């Protein structure tokens, strides 16, 4: 069937609009993060100076205290994520209708799906006010990946190569892309955990990094988020590797051939298995486990970009993860 150029254009516009709104949300969240400490200090000063106490006498009009600036900025930034995510998902759906296939036939489409999964995970996992300061650090890699996808990885809407015309495409690649998006959130959480654990709450006198880290969520909350997201993504990623082997047997007549993509995917899965084991092992569950999680995140990015774009293998034709 011919490509629907109109729907393809709408898909591109949805992607670009989502990117723009993500950037606006990112700017608001940066402003929120920068003003959070100043707002907290200001509130303490007001209380210490004897701020007016509510007058309960009849007929008295009591002014409602204004929400701190940081709270208002965080609320606006978080609210923008809903339309951005809706447009992001719409770009994936419209691409599928435009090409009359599942929209995971090249690296541009894969990154679009993975970043949408990361954004959705962020909206769900970071909806509490105490966790929202982390949003700015999750949005940063999402925006960078989307920019890279639109400028370097973009491919015109077109049919896939014959080898990808299989019902395994939506099953295998969707599972891997969604798992990768969730693991992005996990990796960022572990990075922030390592920064936060060295700067306990309230130590504002430790210079720039101390003040910077003191605005992050509690270290244990970050560690729990990294662990919970990995618990969800690990079986998805593992299932993706297994289903990929089944597809390989149907397409190439063997389950496993130590192709660079297969090998690196297996190594990545092993690293995440090691993280989950370390997270449950006394003496490893804090900083050591976090470093293993970051190693897994690094391996996943290496698998996506270096293996696909530099190393030659059976998966090179597709640009798929």
C-alpha atoms as a PDB file:
ATOM      1  CA  UNK A   1       0.000   0.000   0.000  1.00  0.00           C
ATOM      2  CA  UNK A   2       1.235   3.532  -0.747  1.00  0.00           C
ATOM      3  CA  UNK A   3       2.527   5.699   2.086  1.00  0.00           C
ATOM      4  CA  UNK A   4      -0.003   8.235   3.401  1.00  0.00           C
ATOM      5  CA  UNK A   5       2.053  11.410   3.151  1.00  0.00           C
ATOM      6  CA  UNK A   6      -0.547  13.482   5.001  1.00  0.00           C
ATOM      7  CA  UNK A   7      -0.498  11.257   8.085  1.00  0.00           C
ATOM      8  CA  UNK A   8       3.278  11.105   7.874  1.00  0.00           C
ATOM      9  CA  UNK A   9       3.429  14.893   7.986  1.00  0.00           C
ATOM     10  CA  UNK A  10       1.022  14.975  10.935  1.00  0.00           C
ATOM     11  CA  UNK A  11       3.249  12.468  12.711  1.00  0.00           C
ATOM     12  CA  UNK A  12       6.293  14.684  12.205  1.00  0.00           C
ATOM     13  CA  UNK A  13       4.380  17.741  13.405  1.00  0.00           C
ATOM     14  CA  UNK A  14       3.213  15.864  16.504  1.00  0.00           C
ATOM     15  CA  UNK A  15       6.792  14.843  17.256  1.00  0.00           C
ATOM     16  CA  UNK A  16       8.076  18.390  16.817  1.00  0.00           C
ATOM     17  CA  UNK A  17       5.244  19.823  18.940  1.00  0.00           C
ATOM     18  CA  UNK A  18       5.901  17.293  21.695  1.00  0.00           C
ATOM     19  CA  UNK A  19       9.595  18.178  21.629  1.00  0.00           C
ATOM     20  CA  UNK A  20       8.808  21.895  21.915  1.00  0.00           C
ATOM     21  CA  UNK A  21       6.486  21.378  24.884  1.00  0.00           C
ATOM     22  CA  UNK A  22       9.037  19.124  26.598  1.00  0.00           C
ATOM     23  CA  UNK A  23      11.588  21.929  26.238  1.00  0.00           C
ATOM     24  CA  UNK A  24       9.140  24.461  27.752  1.00  0.00           C
ATOM     25  CA  UNK A  25       8.453  22.076  30.646  1.00  0.00           C
ATOM     26  CA  UNK A  26      12.204  21.572  31.058  1.00  0.00           C
ATOM     27  CA  UNK A  27      12.779  25.341  31.317  1.00  0.00           C
ATOM     28  CA  UNK A  28      10.040  25.687  33.948  1.00  0.00           C
ATOM     29  CA  UNK A  29      11.409  22.768  35.935  1.00  0.00           C
ATOM     30  CA  UNK A  30      14.924  24.207  35.829  1.00  0.00           C
ATOM     31  CA  UNK A  31      13.521  27.482  37.187  1.00  0.00           C
ATOM     32  CA  UNK A  32      11.669  25.499  39.864  1.00  0.00           C
ATOM     33  CA  UNK A  33      14.831  23.659  40.844  1.00  0.00           C
ATOM     34  CA  UNK A  34      16.821  26.889  41.009  1.00  0.00           C
ATOM     35  CA  UNK A  35      14.192  28.643  43.156  1.00  0.00           C
ATOM     36  CA  UNK A  36      13.378  25.732  45.466  1.00  0.00           C
ATOM     37  CA  UNK A  37      16.029  26.471  48.084  1.00  0.00           C
ATOM     38  CA  UNK A  38      15.453  30.225  48.068  1.00  0.00           C
ATOM     39  CA  UNK A  39      11.744  29.634  48.599  1.00  0.00           C
ATOM     40  CA  UNK A  40      12.396  27.306  51.535  1.00  0.00           C
ATOM     41  CA  UNK A  41      14.716  29.843  53.144  1.00  0.00           C
ATOM     42  CA  UNK A  42      12.191  32.619  52.606  1.00  0.00           C
ATOM     43  CA  UNK A  43       9.453  30.583  54.276  1.00  0.00           C
ATOM     44  CA  UNK A  44      11.667  29.999  57.332  1.00  0.00           C
ATOM     45  CA  UNK A  45      12.455  33.713  57.533  1.00  0.00           C
ATOM     46  CA  UNK A  46       8.777  34.621  57.453  1.00  0.00           C
ATOM     47  CA  UNK A  47       8.005  32.231  60.269  1.00  0.00           C
ATOM     48  CA  UNK A  48      10.970  33.430  62.304  1.00  0.00           C
ATOM     49  CA  UNK A  49       9.990  37.065  61.845  1.00  0.00           C
ATOM     50  CA  UNK A  50       6.529  36.416  63.224  1.00  0.00           C
ATOM     51  CA  UNK A  51       4.336  36.150  60.143  1.00  0.00           C
ATOM     52  CA  UNK A  52       0.661  37.107  60.718  1.00  0.00           C
ATOM     53  CA  UNK A  53      -1.400  34.421  62.368  1.00  0.00           C
ATOM     54  CA  UNK A  54      -4.875  33.700  61.042  1.00  0.00           C
ATOM     55  CA  UNK A  55      -7.502  35.788  62.835  1.00  0.00           C
ATOM     56  CA  UNK A  56     -10.540  33.713  63.779  1.00  0.00           C
ATOM     57  CA  UNK A  57     -12.754  36.646  64.833  1.00  0.00           C
ATOM     58  CA  UNK A  58     -16.063  36.971  62.938  1.00  0.00           C
ATOM     59  CA  UNK A  59     -16.005  39.340  60.001  1.00  0.00           C
ATOM     60  CA  UNK A  60     -12.252  39.231  59.579  1.00  0.00           C
ATOM     61  CA  UNK A  61     -10.914  38.473  56.098  1.00  0.00           C
ATOM     62  CA  UNK A  62      -7.896  36.224  56.280  1.00  0.00           C
ATOM     63  CA  UNK A  63      -5.575  36.153  53.273  1.00  0.00           C
ATOM     64  CA  UNK A  64      -4.657  32.714  52.004  1.00  0.00           C
ATOM     65  CA  UNK A  65      -0.867  32.312  51.903  1.00  0.00           C
ATOM     66  CA  UNK A  66       0.509  32.222  48.384  1.00  0.00           C
ATOM     67  CA  UNK A  67       1.995  28.992  47.118  1.00  0.00           C
ATOM     68  CA  UNK A  68       5.786  29.133  46.930  1.00  0.00           C
ATOM     69  CA  UNK A  69       7.164  30.051  43.521  1.00  0.00           C
ATOM     70  CA  UNK A  70       8.917  26.702  43.224  1.00  0.00           C
ATOM     71  CA  UNK A  71       5.638  24.850  43.756  1.00  0.00           C
ATOM     72  CA  UNK A  72       3.882  26.896  41.093  1.00  0.00           C
ATOM     73  CA  UNK A  73       6.678  26.372  38.585  1.00  0.00           C
ATOM     74  CA  UNK A  74       6.753  22.639  39.320  1.00  0.00           C
ATOM     75  CA  UNK A  75       2.987  22.436  38.850  1.00  0.00           C
ATOM     76  CA  UNK A  76       3.130  24.222  35.506  1.00  0.00           C
ATOM     77  CA  UNK A  77       6.048  22.131  34.298  1.00  0.00           C
ATOM     78  CA  UNK A  78       4.375  18.887  35.310  1.00  0.00           C
ATOM     79  CA  UNK A  79       1.068  19.955  33.723  1.00  0.00           C
ATOM     80  CA  UNK A  80       2.812  20.510  30.374  1.00  0.00           C
ATOM     81  CA  UNK A  81       3.963  16.898  30.319  1.00  0.00           C
ATOM     82  CA  UNK A  82       0.412  15.655  29.684  1.00  0.00           C
ATOM     83  CA  UNK A  83      -0.102  17.362  26.281  1.00  0.00           C
ATOM     84  CA  UNK A  84       3.523  16.693  25.353  1.00  0.00           C
ATOM     85  CA  UNK A  85       3.132  12.978  26.081  1.00  0.00           C
ATOM     86  CA  UNK A  86      -0.183  12.851  24.197  1.00  0.00           C
ATOM     87  CA  UNK A  87       1.455  14.393  21.115  1.00  0.00           C
ATOM     88  CA  UNK A  88       4.468  12.113  21.526  1.00  0.00           C
ATOM     89  CA  UNK A  89       2.287   9.006  21.495  1.00  0.00           C
ATOM     90  CA  UNK A  90       0.215  10.455  18.646  1.00  0.00           C
ATOM     91  CA  UNK A  91       3.379  10.771  16.540  1.00  0.00           C
ATOM     92  CA  UNK A  92       4.003   7.037  16.984  1.00  0.00           C
ATOM     93  CA  UNK A  93       0.410   6.083  16.150  1.00  0.00           C
ATOM     94  CA  UNK A  94       0.190   8.364  13.118  1.00  0.00           C
ATOM     95  CA  UNK A  95       3.487   7.017  11.807  1.00  0.00           C
ATOM     96  CA  UNK A  96       2.032   3.533  11.980  1.00  0.00           C
ATOM     97  CA  UNK A  97      -1.106   4.491  10.084  1.00  0.00           C
ATOM     98  CA  UNK A  98       0.945   6.398   7.512  1.00  0.00           C
ATOM     99  CA  UNK A  99       3.167   3.399   6.752  1.00  0.00           C
ATOM    100  CA  UNK A 100       0.499   0.689   7.230  1.00  0.00           C
ATOM    101  CA  UNK A 101       2.831  -1.190   9.575  1.00  0.00           C
ATOM    102  CA  UNK A 102       3.953  -1.186  13.178  1.00  0.00           C
ATOM    103  CA  UNK A 103       6.087   1.986  13.613  1.00  0.00           C
ATOM    104  CA  UNK A 104       9.316   0.346  14.758  1.00  0.00           C
ATOM    105  CA  UNK A 105      11.189  -0.217  11.505  1.00  0.00           C
ATOM    106  CA  UNK A 106      14.234   2.018  12.042  1.00  0.00           C
ATOM    107  CA  UNK A 107      16.222   3.754  14.764  1.00  0.00           C
ATOM    108  CA  UNK A 108      14.215   6.984  14.521  1.00  0.00           C
ATOM    109  CA  UNK A 109      11.013   5.122  15.277  1.00  0.00           C
ATOM    110  CA  UNK A 110      12.658   3.040  17.999  1.00  0.00           C
ATOM    111  CA  UNK A 111      14.006   6.103  19.826  1.00  0.00           C
ATOM    112  CA  UNK A 112      10.616   7.785  19.492  1.00  0.00           C
ATOM    113  CA  UNK A 113       8.938   4.812  21.155  1.00  0.00           C
ATOM    114  CA  UNK A 114      11.604   4.459  23.862  1.00  0.00           C
ATOM    115  CA  UNK A 115      11.501   8.152  24.821  1.00  0.00           C
ATOM    116  CA  UNK A 116       7.691   8.032  24.939  1.00  0.00           C
ATOM    117  CA  UNK A 117       7.957   5.075  27.345  1.00  0.00           C
ATOM    118  CA  UNK A 118      10.482   7.016  29.456  1.00  0.00           C
ATOM    119  CA  UNK A 119       8.218  10.076  29.549  1.00  0.00           C
ATOM    120  CA  UNK A 120       5.171   8.004  30.529  1.00  0.00           C
ATOM    121  CA  UNK A 121       7.171   6.259  33.256  1.00  0.00           C
ATOM    122  CA  UNK A 122       8.308   9.649  34.568  1.00  0.00           C
ATOM    123  CA  UNK A 123       4.773  11.027  34.711  1.00  0.00           C
ATOM    124  CA  UNK A 124       3.609   7.989  36.682  1.00  0.00           C
ATOM    125  CA  UNK A 125       6.621   7.504  38.960  1.00  0.00           C
ATOM    126  CA  UNK A 126       7.356  11.174  39.680  1.00  0.00           C
ATOM    127  CA  UNK A 127       3.835  12.483  40.160  1.00  0.00           C
ATOM    128  CA  UNK A 128       4.363  13.091  43.896  1.00  0.00           C
ATOM    129  CA  UNK A 129       5.593  16.567  44.787  1.00  0.00           C
ATOM    130  CA  UNK A 130       8.534  15.161  46.730  1.00  0.00           C
ATOM    131  CA  UNK A 131       9.814  13.408  43.595  1.00  0.00           C
ATOM    132  CA  UNK A 132       9.192  16.153  41.034  1.00  0.00           C
ATOM    133  CA  UNK A 133      12.659  17.740  41.380  1.00  0.00           C
ATOM    134  CA  UNK A 134      13.946  14.644  39.569  1.00  0.00           C
ATOM    135  CA  UNK A 135      11.825  15.424  36.494  1.00  0.00           C
ATOM    136  CA  UNK A 136      14.308  17.933  35.144  1.00  0.00           C
ATOM    137  CA  UNK A 137      17.039  15.274  35.112  1.00  0.00           C
ATOM    138  CA  UNK A 138      14.857  12.737  33.312  1.00  0.00           C
ATOM    139  CA  UNK A 139      13.623  15.239  30.753  1.00  0.00           C
ATOM    140  CA  UNK A 140      17.193  16.205  29.846  1.00  0.00           C
ATOM    141  CA  UNK A 141      18.142  12.826  28.246  1.00  0.00           C
ATOM    142  CA  UNK A 142      14.670  12.500  26.722  1.00  0.00           C
ATOM    143  CA  UNK A 143      15.066  15.866  24.987  1.00  0.00           C
ATOM    144  CA  UNK A 144      18.623  15.053  23.872  1.00  0.00           C
ATOM    145  CA  UNK A 145      17.551  11.682  22.436  1.00  0.00           C
ATOM    146  CA  UNK A 146      14.566  13.210  20.644  1.00  0.00           C
ATOM    147  CA  UNK A 147      16.751  15.939  19.159  1.00  0.00           C
ATOM    148  CA  UNK A 148      19.274  13.333  17.996  1.00  0.00           C
ATOM    149  CA  UNK A 149      16.479  11.208  16.542  1.00  0.00           C
ATOM    150  CA  UNK A 150      15.003  14.141  14.619  1.00  0.00           C
ATOM    151  CA  UNK A 151      18.323  15.442  13.274  1.00  0.00           C
ATOM    152  CA  UNK A 152      20.564  12.392  12.795  1.00  0.00           C
ATOM    153  CA  UNK A 153      18.306   9.334  12.821  1.00  0.00           C
ATOM    154  CA  UNK A 154      15.252  10.627  10.994  1.00  0.00           C
ATOM    155  CA  UNK A 155      13.987   8.419   8.184  1.00  0.00           C
ATOM    156  CA  UNK A 156      11.125   9.163   5.819  1.00  0.00           C
ATOM    157  CA  UNK A 157       8.018   7.077   6.269  1.00  0.00           C
ATOM    158  CA  UNK A 158       8.498   3.987   4.132  1.00  0.00           C
ATOM    159  CA  UNK A 159       7.844   0.235   4.102  1.00  0.00           C
ATOM    160  CA  UNK A 160      10.299  -1.931   6.025  1.00  0.00           C
ATOM    161  CA  UNK A 161      12.762  -4.291   4.399  1.00  0.00           C
ATOM    162  CA  UNK A 162      11.397  -7.799   3.690  1.00  0.00           C
ATOM    163  CA  UNK A 163      13.228  -9.383   6.649  1.00  0.00           C
ATOM    164  CA  UNK A 164      11.221  -7.203   9.067  1.00  0.00           C
ATOM    165  CA  UNK A 165       7.813  -8.032   7.607  1.00  0.00           C
ATOM    166  CA  UNK A 166       6.944 -10.360  10.418  1.00  0.00           C
ATOM    167  CA  UNK A 167       4.486 -10.455  13.302  1.00  0.00           C
ATOM    168  CA  UNK A 168       7.560 -10.649  15.556  1.00  0.00           C
ATOM    169  CA  UNK A 169       8.377  -7.004  14.812  1.00  0.00           C
ATOM    170  CA  UNK A 170       5.651  -5.459  17.019  1.00  0.00           C
ATOM    171  CA  UNK A 171       6.179  -8.096  19.718  1.00  0.00           C
ATOM    172  CA  UNK A 172       9.970  -8.175  20.023  1.00  0.00           C
ATOM    173  CA  UNK A 173      10.845  -4.544  19.338  1.00  0.00           C
ATOM    174  CA  UNK A 174       7.977  -3.033  21.342  1.00  0.00           C
ATOM    175  CA  UNK A 175       8.973  -4.980  24.447  1.00  0.00           C
ATOM    176  CA  UNK A 176      12.626  -3.962  24.099  1.00  0.00           C
ATOM    177  CA  UNK A 177      11.855  -0.292  23.387  1.00  0.00           C
ATOM    178  CA  UNK A 178       9.461   0.030  26.328  1.00  0.00           C
ATOM    179  CA  UNK A 179      11.924  -1.745  28.615  1.00  0.00           C
ATOM    180  CA  UNK A 180      14.709   0.577  27.457  1.00  0.00           C
ATOM    181  CA  UNK A 181      12.586   3.647  28.178  1.00  0.00           C
ATOM    182  CA  UNK A 182      11.860   2.467  31.719  1.00  0.00           C
ATOM    183  CA  UNK A 183      15.551   1.662  32.299  1.00  0.00           C
ATOM    184  CA  UNK A 184      16.421   5.236  31.319  1.00  0.00           C
ATOM    185  CA  UNK A 185      14.471   6.446  34.361  1.00  0.00           C
ATOM    186  CA  UNK A 186      16.188   3.819  36.512  1.00  0.00           C
ATOM    187  CA  UNK A 187      19.657   4.873  35.354  1.00  0.00           C
ATOM    188  CA  UNK A 188      19.002   8.555  36.060  1.00  0.00           C
ATOM    189  CA  UNK A 189      17.651   7.671  39.510  1.00  0.00           C
ATOM    190  CA  UNK A 190      20.842   5.780  40.378  1.00  0.00           C
ATOM    191  CA  UNK A 191      23.018   8.655  39.144  1.00  0.00           C
ATOM    192  CA  UNK A 192      21.119  11.105  41.346  1.00  0.00           C
ATOM    193  CA  UNK A 193      21.209   8.645  44.246  1.00  0.00           C
ATOM    194  CA  UNK A 194      25.018   8.596  44.161  1.00  0.00           C
ATOM    195  CA  UNK A 195      25.067  12.388  44.193  1.00  0.00           C
ATOM    196  CA  UNK A 196      22.413  12.690  46.884  1.00  0.00           C
ATOM    197  CA  UNK A 197      23.762  10.113  49.300  1.00  0.00           C
ATOM    198  CA  UNK A 198      26.909  12.192  49.834  1.00  0.00           C
ATOM    199  CA  UNK A 199      24.929  15.309  50.688  1.00  0.00           C
ATOM    200  CA  UNK A 200      22.376  14.633  53.460  1.00  0.00           C
ATOM    201  CA  UNK A 201      19.350  16.899  53.638  1.00  0.00           C
ATOM    202  CA  UNK A 202      20.029  20.217  55.301  1.00  0.00           C
ATOM    203  CA  UNK A 203      23.760  20.502  54.632  1.00  0.00           C
ATOM    204  CA  UNK A 204      23.613  23.754  52.686  1.00  0.00           C
ATOM    205  CA  UNK A 205      27.105  24.820  53.786  1.00  0.00           C
ATOM    206  CA  UNK A 206      28.975  22.348  51.571  1.00  0.00           C
ATOM    207  CA  UNK A 207      29.388  24.676  48.609  1.00  0.00           C
ATOM    208  CA  UNK A 208      27.765  24.514  45.179  1.00  0.00           C
ATOM    209  CA  UNK A 209      27.396  20.738  44.949  1.00  0.00           C
ATOM    210  CA  UNK A 210      26.036  20.520  48.466  1.00  0.00           C
ATOM    211  CA  UNK A 211      23.350  23.101  47.697  1.00  0.00           C
ATOM    212  CA  UNK A 212      22.653  21.481  44.340  1.00  0.00           C
ATOM    213  CA  UNK A 213      22.199  17.997  45.825  1.00  0.00           C
ATOM    214  CA  UNK A 214      20.150  19.196  48.784  1.00  0.00           C
ATOM    215  CA  UNK A 215      17.269  19.984  46.413  1.00  0.00           C
ATOM    216  CA  UNK A 216      17.035  16.401  45.154  1.00  0.00           C
ATOM    217  CA  UNK A 217      14.567  13.888  46.590  1.00  0.00           C
ATOM    218  CA  UNK A 218      15.704  11.783  49.529  1.00  0.00           C
ATOM    219  CA  UNK A 219      18.505   9.348  48.647  1.00  0.00           C
ATOM    220  CA  UNK A 220      16.524   6.307  49.730  1.00  0.00           C
ATOM    221  CA  UNK A 221      13.544   7.420  47.614  1.00  0.00           C
ATOM    222  CA  UNK A 222      15.820   7.649  44.586  1.00  0.00           C
ATOM    223  CA  UNK A 223      17.282   4.224  45.315  1.00  0.00           C
ATOM    224  CA  UNK A 224      13.809   2.701  45.663  1.00  0.00           C
ATOM    225  CA  UNK A 225      12.729   4.278  42.365  1.00  0.00           C
ATOM    226  CA  UNK A 226      15.772   2.844  40.570  1.00  0.00           C
ATOM    227  CA  UNK A 227      15.062  -0.589  42.003  1.00  0.00           C
ATOM    228  CA  UNK A 228      11.306  -0.592  41.305  1.00  0.00           C
ATOM    229  CA  UNK A 229      11.692   0.578  37.697  1.00  0.00           C
ATOM    230  CA  UNK A 230      14.364  -2.045  37.068  1.00  0.00           C
ATOM    231  CA  UNK A 231      12.111  -4.730  38.572  1.00  0.00           C
ATOM    232  CA  UNK A 232       9.527  -3.810  35.907  1.00  0.00           C
ATOM    233  CA  UNK A 233      11.943  -3.378  32.990  1.00  0.00           C
ATOM    234  CA  UNK A 234      14.243  -6.355  33.651  1.00  0.00           C
ATOM    235  CA  UNK A 235      11.729  -9.090  32.715  1.00  0.00           C
ATOM    236  CA  UNK A 236      10.610  -7.001  29.720  1.00  0.00           C
ATOM    237  CA  UNK A 237      14.169  -6.681  28.449  1.00  0.00           C
ATOM    238  CA  UNK A 238      14.806 -10.372  29.101  1.00  0.00           C
ATOM    239  CA  UNK A 239      11.624 -11.341  27.271  1.00  0.00           C
ATOM    240  CA  UNK A 240      12.727  -9.142  24.379  1.00  0.00           C
ATOM    241  CA  UNK A 241      16.047 -11.010  24.141  1.00  0.00           C
ATOM    242  CA  UNK A 242      14.297 -14.400  24.236  1.00  0.00           C
ATOM    243  CA  UNK A 243      11.678 -13.394  21.666  1.00  0.00           C
ATOM    244  CA  UNK A 244      14.431 -11.991  19.478  1.00  0.00           C
ATOM    245  CA  UNK A 245      16.133 -15.399  19.553  1.00  0.00           C
ATOM    246  CA  UNK A 246      12.881 -17.063  18.522  1.00  0.00           C
ATOM    247  CA  UNK A 247      12.492 -14.583  15.669  1.00  0.00           C
ATOM    248  CA  UNK A 248      16.123 -15.220  14.654  1.00  0.00           C
ATOM    249  CA  UNK A 249      15.400 -18.934  14.391  1.00  0.00           C
ATOM    250  CA  UNK A 250      12.430 -18.240  12.126  1.00  0.00           C
ATOM    251  CA  UNK A 251      14.326 -15.699   9.996  1.00  0.00           C
ATOM    252  CA  UNK A 252      17.885 -17.046   9.936  1.00  0.00           C
ATOM    253  CA  UNK A 253      17.493 -20.682  10.963  1.00  0.00           C
ATOM    254  CA  UNK A 254      19.289 -20.402  14.310  1.00  0.00           C
ATOM    255  CA  UNK A 255      18.345 -19.107  17.773  1.00  0.00           C
ATOM    256  CA  UNK A 256      21.728 -17.591  18.619  1.00  0.00           C
ATOM    257  CA  UNK A 257      24.756 -16.724  16.529  1.00  0.00           C
ATOM    258  CA  UNK A 258      26.752 -14.333  18.747  1.00  0.00           C
ATOM    259  CA  UNK A 259      25.967 -11.445  16.440  1.00  0.00           C
ATOM    260  CA  UNK A 260      27.280  -8.175  18.020  1.00  0.00           C
ATOM    261  CA  UNK A 261      23.718  -7.047  18.761  1.00  0.00           C
ATOM    262  CA  UNK A 262      22.772 -10.343  20.351  1.00  0.00           C
ATOM    263  CA  UNK A 263      25.973 -10.479  22.387  1.00  0.00           C
ATOM    264  CA  UNK A 264      25.669  -6.921  23.708  1.00  0.00           C
ATOM    265  CA  UNK A 265      21.982  -7.404  24.544  1.00  0.00           C
ATOM    266  CA  UNK A 266      22.871 -10.503  26.543  1.00  0.00           C
ATOM    267  CA  UNK A 267      25.683  -8.660  28.358  1.00  0.00           C
ATOM    268  CA  UNK A 268      23.308  -5.808  29.201  1.00  0.00           C
ATOM    269  CA  UNK A 269      20.753  -8.246  30.584  1.00  0.00           C
ATOM    270  CA  UNK A 270      23.460  -9.920  32.714  1.00  0.00           C
ATOM    271  CA  UNK A 271      24.539  -6.553  34.141  1.00  0.00           C
ATOM    272  CA  UNK A 272      20.971  -5.741  35.173  1.00  0.00           C
ATOM    273  CA  UNK A 273      20.638  -9.206  36.719  1.00  0.00           C
ATOM    274  CA  UNK A 274      23.815  -8.453  38.680  1.00  0.00           C
ATOM    275  CA  UNK A 275      22.298  -5.134  39.814  1.00  0.00           C
ATOM    276  CA  UNK A 276      19.157  -6.797  41.140  1.00  0.00           C
ATOM    277  CA  UNK A 277      21.277  -9.412  42.922  1.00  0.00           C
ATOM    278  CA  UNK A 278      23.564  -6.737  44.395  1.00  0.00           C
ATOM    279  CA  UNK A 279      20.564  -4.657  45.453  1.00  0.00           C
ATOM    280  CA  UNK A 280      19.380  -7.593  47.575  1.00  0.00           C
ATOM    281  CA  UNK A 281      22.832  -8.398  48.992  1.00  0.00           C
ATOM    282  CA  UNK A 282      24.059  -6.902  52.250  1.00  0.00           C
ATOM    283  CA  UNK A 283      27.074  -4.671  51.708  1.00  0.00           C
ATOM    284  CA  UNK A 284      26.261  -4.111  48.032  1.00  0.00           C
ATOM    285  CA  UNK A 285      22.800  -2.606  48.076  1.00  0.00           C
ATOM    286  CA  UNK A 286      23.816   1.050  48.254  1.00  0.00           C
ATOM    287  CA  UNK A 287      26.546   2.660  46.166  1.00  0.00           C
ATOM    288  CA  UNK A 288      27.958  -0.548  44.657  1.00  0.00           C
ATOM    289  CA  UNK A 289      24.572  -1.637  43.342  1.00  0.00           C
ATOM    290  CA  UNK A 290      23.938   1.861  41.968  1.00  0.00           C
ATOM    291  CA  UNK A 291      27.201   1.770  40.023  1.00  0.00           C
ATOM    292  CA  UNK A 292      26.217  -1.593  38.520  1.00  0.00           C
ATOM    293  CA  UNK A 293      22.869  -0.099  37.470  1.00  0.00           C
ATOM    294  CA  UNK A 294      24.680   2.791  35.793  1.00  0.00           C
ATOM    295  CA  UNK A 295      26.943   0.282  34.024  1.00  0.00           C
ATOM    296  CA  UNK A 296      23.819  -1.454  32.698  1.00  0.00           C
ATOM    297  CA  UNK A 297      22.399   1.858  31.506  1.00  0.00           C
ATOM    298  CA  UNK A 298      25.689   2.651  29.743  1.00  0.00           C
ATOM    299  CA  UNK A 299      25.720  -0.789  28.100  1.00  0.00           C
ATOM    300  CA  UNK A 300      22.151  -0.243  26.889  1.00  0.00           C
ATOM    301  CA  UNK A 301      23.085   3.079  25.245  1.00  0.00           C
ATOM    302  CA  UNK A 302      26.205   1.500  23.743  1.00  0.00           C
ATOM    303  CA  UNK A 303      24.044  -1.296  22.344  1.00  0.00           C
ATOM    304  CA  UNK A 304      21.590   1.153  20.838  1.00  0.00           C
ATOM    305  CA  UNK A 305      23.979   3.593  19.197  1.00  0.00           C
ATOM    306  CA  UNK A 306      27.480   2.147  18.815  1.00  0.00           C
ATOM    307  CA  UNK A 307      26.439  -1.390  17.884  1.00  0.00           C
ATOM    308  CA  UNK A 308      23.746  -0.165  15.490  1.00  0.00           C
ATOM    309  CA  UNK A 309      25.680   2.660  13.887  1.00  0.00           C
ATOM    310  CA  UNK A 310      29.337   1.584  14.006  1.00  0.00           C
ATOM    311  CA  UNK A 311      29.625  -2.193  14.308  1.00  0.00           C
ATOM    312  CA  UNK A 312      28.583  -4.281  11.318  1.00  0.00           C
ATOM    313  CA  UNK A 313      26.252  -7.200  11.981  1.00  0.00           C
ATOM    314  CA  UNK A 314      23.018  -8.892  11.022  1.00  0.00           C
ATOM    315  CA  UNK A 315      21.020  -6.157  12.743  1.00  0.00           C
ATOM    316  CA  UNK A 316      22.770  -3.303  10.963  1.00  0.00           C
ATOM    317  CA  UNK A 317      20.262  -3.110   8.132  1.00  0.00           C
ATOM    318  CA  UNK A 318      17.412  -2.278  10.446  1.00  0.00           C
ATOM    319  CA  UNK A 319      18.899   0.128  12.947  1.00  0.00           C
ATOM    320  CA  UNK A 320      16.870  -1.634  15.625  1.00  0.00           C
ATOM    321  CA  UNK A 321      17.584  -2.229  19.248  1.00  0.00           C
END
